[in-house]
Amino acid sequence: MKKFKDTKKKIMFGNNRSKALNITKRTWKLNLQKYTKIDSQGKEIVVYLTAREIRTLKKKKTLT
């Protein structure tokens, strides 16, 4: 199970419900995106972030 270290987000579990009210198990996976950032020394750092975290960090101007 993939989990992002800083926010402790993980896969959610639940049920699918049809119109006939049949129940089947399902999972909601994280929308992980590979993000590459270049540090001050010119090295590439690859980080896996959720789409929501990328959007929030761009809004706060910490990602470019």
N, C-alpha and C. Protein backbone atom coordinates (compact mmCIF):
# COMPACT_ATOMS: atom_id res chain seq x y z
N MET A 1 0.85 -1.17 0.00
CA MET A 1 0.00 0.00 0.00
C MET A 1 0.89 1.24 0.00
N LYS A 2 0.76 2.08 -1.05
CA LYS A 2 1.55 3.30 -1.10
C LYS A 2 0.99 4.32 -0.13
N LYS A 3 1.91 5.01 0.52
CA LYS A 3 1.51 6.02 1.48
C LYS A 3 2.49 7.17 1.38
N PHE A 4 2.02 8.39 1.37
CA PHE A 4 2.90 9.55 1.35
C PHE A 4 3.37 9.81 2.76
N LYS A 5 4.68 9.95 2.96
CA LYS A 5 5.27 9.99 4.30
C LYS A 5 4.83 11.19 5.12
N ASP A 6 4.78 12.38 4.52
CA ASP A 6 4.55 13.59 5.31
C ASP A 6 3.10 13.74 5.76
N THR A 7 2.15 13.45 4.90
CA THR A 7 0.76 13.69 5.27
C THR A 7 0.05 12.44 5.78
N LYS A 8 0.70 11.29 5.67
CA LYS A 8 0.14 10.01 6.15
C LYS A 8 -1.15 9.64 5.41
N LYS A 9 -1.32 10.15 4.19
CA LYS A 9 -2.49 9.76 3.40
C LYS A 9 -2.32 8.32 2.93
N LYS A 10 -3.41 7.59 2.82
CA LYS A 10 -3.34 6.23 2.34
C LYS A 10 -4.63 5.88 1.62
N ILE A 11 -4.69 4.68 1.07
CA ILE A 11 -5.84 4.24 0.30
C ILE A 11 -7.08 4.18 1.19
N MET A 12 -8.23 4.66 0.64
CA MET A 12 -9.49 4.59 1.37
C MET A 12 -10.28 3.38 0.88
N PHE A 13 -11.04 2.78 1.77
CA PHE A 13 -11.84 1.61 1.45
C PHE A 13 -13.32 1.94 1.64
N GLY A 14 -14.15 1.27 0.86
CA GLY A 14 -15.58 1.48 0.99
C GLY A 14 -16.35 0.49 0.16
N ASN A 15 -17.59 0.83 -0.16
CA ASN A 15 -18.47 -0.06 -0.92
C ASN A 15 -18.99 0.64 -2.16
N ASN A 16 -19.16 -0.13 -3.23
CA ASN A 16 -19.96 0.30 -4.38
C ASN A 16 -21.39 -0.10 -4.10
N ARG A 17 -22.33 0.79 -4.40
CA ARG A 17 -23.74 0.45 -4.24
C ARG A 17 -24.43 0.65 -5.58
N SER A 18 -25.04 -0.40 -6.09
CA SER A 18 -25.79 -0.31 -7.34
C SER A 18 -27.22 0.18 -7.04
N LYS A 19 -28.00 0.38 -8.11
CA LYS A 19 -29.39 0.79 -7.92
C LYS A 19 -30.19 -0.30 -7.23
N ALA A 20 -29.76 -1.56 -7.41
CA ALA A 20 -30.43 -2.68 -6.74
C ALA A 20 -29.88 -2.89 -5.32
N LEU A 21 -29.03 -1.97 -4.87
CA LEU A 21 -28.43 -1.97 -3.54
C LEU A 21 -27.51 -3.17 -3.29
N ASN A 22 -26.92 -3.71 -4.37
CA ASN A 22 -25.89 -4.72 -4.19
C ASN A 22 -24.63 -4.03 -3.67
N ILE A 23 -23.88 -4.74 -2.84
CA ILE A 23 -22.68 -4.17 -2.24
C ILE A 23 -21.46 -4.93 -2.75
N THR A 24 -20.47 -4.19 -3.25
CA THR A 24 -19.17 -4.78 -3.57
C THR A 24 -18.09 -3.88 -3.00
N LYS A 25 -17.01 -4.48 -2.54
CA LYS A 25 -15.91 -3.71 -1.96
C LYS A 25 -15.16 -2.97 -3.05
N ARG A 26 -14.66 -1.79 -2.73
CA ARG A 26 -13.85 -1.03 -3.65
C ARG A 26 -12.83 -0.19 -2.89
N THR A 27 -11.85 0.34 -3.61
CA THR A 27 -10.82 1.19 -2.99
C THR A 27 -10.72 2.49 -3.77
N TRP A 28 -10.32 3.54 -3.09
CA TRP A 28 -10.00 4.82 -3.69
C TRP A 28 -8.51 5.01 -3.53
N LYS A 29 -7.80 5.04 -4.65
CA LYS A 29 -6.35 5.17 -4.61
C LYS A 29 -5.95 6.64 -4.65
N LEU A 30 -4.75 6.93 -4.16
CA LEU A 30 -4.22 8.29 -4.19
C LEU A 30 -3.87 8.67 -5.62
N ASN A 31 -4.05 9.93 -5.94
CA ASN A 31 -3.68 10.45 -7.26
C ASN A 31 -2.24 10.94 -7.18
N LEU A 32 -1.28 9.99 -7.11
CA LEU A 32 0.12 10.35 -6.97
C LEU A 32 0.70 10.76 -8.31
N GLN A 33 1.44 11.86 -8.29
CA GLN A 33 2.10 12.38 -9.47
C GLN A 33 3.59 12.47 -9.20
N LYS A 34 4.38 12.13 -10.21
CA LYS A 34 5.84 12.25 -10.08
C LYS A 34 6.19 13.70 -10.34
N TYR A 35 6.85 14.36 -9.39
CA TYR A 35 7.22 15.77 -9.52
C TYR A 35 8.73 15.87 -9.42
N THR A 36 9.35 16.50 -10.41
CA THR A 36 10.80 16.68 -10.43
C THR A 36 11.12 18.13 -10.14
N LYS A 37 11.98 18.32 -9.15
CA LYS A 37 12.38 19.67 -8.76
C LYS A 37 13.89 19.76 -8.85
N ILE A 38 14.41 20.90 -9.29
CA ILE A 38 15.85 21.11 -9.38
C ILE A 38 16.28 21.96 -8.20
N ASP A 39 17.24 21.43 -7.41
CA ASP A 39 17.68 22.18 -6.23
C ASP A 39 18.74 23.22 -6.63
N SER A 40 19.28 23.92 -5.65
CA SER A 40 20.21 25.01 -5.91
C SER A 40 21.52 24.54 -6.53
N GLN A 41 21.89 23.27 -6.34
CA GLN A 41 23.14 22.75 -6.89
C GLN A 41 22.94 22.16 -8.29
N GLY A 42 21.72 22.17 -8.80
CA GLY A 42 21.43 21.66 -10.12
C GLY A 42 21.04 20.20 -10.17
N LYS A 43 20.90 19.56 -9.01
CA LYS A 43 20.50 18.15 -8.97
C LYS A 43 18.98 18.05 -9.08
N GLU A 44 18.54 16.99 -9.78
CA GLU A 44 17.11 16.75 -9.90
C GLU A 44 16.64 15.89 -8.73
N ILE A 45 15.57 16.32 -8.08
CA ILE A 45 14.98 15.58 -6.97
C ILE A 45 13.60 15.13 -7.43
N VAL A 46 13.35 13.82 -7.36
CA VAL A 46 12.06 13.26 -7.76
C VAL A 46 11.25 12.97 -6.50
N VAL A 47 10.06 13.54 -6.44
CA VAL A 47 9.18 13.39 -5.29
C VAL A 47 7.82 12.95 -5.80
N TYR A 48 7.15 12.07 -5.09
CA TYR A 48 5.78 11.68 -5.42
C TYR A 48 4.83 12.45 -4.51
N LEU A 49 4.00 13.29 -5.12
CA LEU A 49 3.03 14.10 -4.38
C LEU A 49 1.65 13.82 -4.94
N THR A 50 0.63 14.04 -4.11
CA THR A 50 -0.73 13.93 -4.62
C THR A 50 -1.05 15.20 -5.41
N ALA A 51 -2.01 15.10 -6.30
CA ALA A 51 -2.38 16.24 -7.14
C ALA A 51 -2.84 17.41 -6.28
N ARG A 52 -3.52 17.12 -5.21
CA ARG A 52 -4.00 18.18 -4.32
C ARG A 52 -2.84 18.91 -3.65
N GLU A 53 -1.81 18.16 -3.25
CA GLU A 53 -0.64 18.79 -2.61
C GLU A 53 0.12 19.66 -3.59
N ILE A 54 0.25 19.21 -4.85
CA ILE A 54 0.93 20.01 -5.87
C ILE A 54 0.18 21.32 -6.08
N ARG A 55 -1.15 21.25 -6.17
CA ARG A 55 -1.95 22.45 -6.37
C ARG A 55 -1.80 23.42 -5.19
N THR A 56 -1.81 22.90 -3.99
CA THR A 56 -1.68 23.75 -2.80
C THR A 56 -0.31 24.39 -2.73
N LEU A 57 0.75 23.62 -3.01
CA LEU A 57 2.09 24.16 -2.94
C LEU A 57 2.34 25.20 -4.04
N LYS A 58 1.75 25.00 -5.23
CA LYS A 58 1.87 26.01 -6.27
C LYS A 58 1.16 27.28 -5.88
N LYS A 59 0.01 27.15 -5.20
CA LYS A 59 -0.74 28.32 -4.76
C LYS A 59 0.05 29.12 -3.73
N LYS A 60 0.81 28.42 -2.88
CA LYS A 60 1.63 29.09 -1.87
C LYS A 60 2.99 29.51 -2.40
N LYS A 61 3.22 29.26 -3.70
CA LYS A 61 4.45 29.66 -4.40
C LYS A 61 5.70 28.96 -3.89
N THR A 62 5.57 27.75 -3.32
CA THR A 62 6.74 27.00 -2.90
C THR A 62 7.22 26.07 -4.00
N LEU A 63 6.36 25.79 -4.99
CA LEU A 63 6.75 25.03 -6.18
C LEU A 63 6.69 25.98 -7.37
N THR A 64 7.53 25.70 -8.37
CA THR A 64 7.49 26.55 -9.56
C THR A 64 6.99 25.76 -10.74
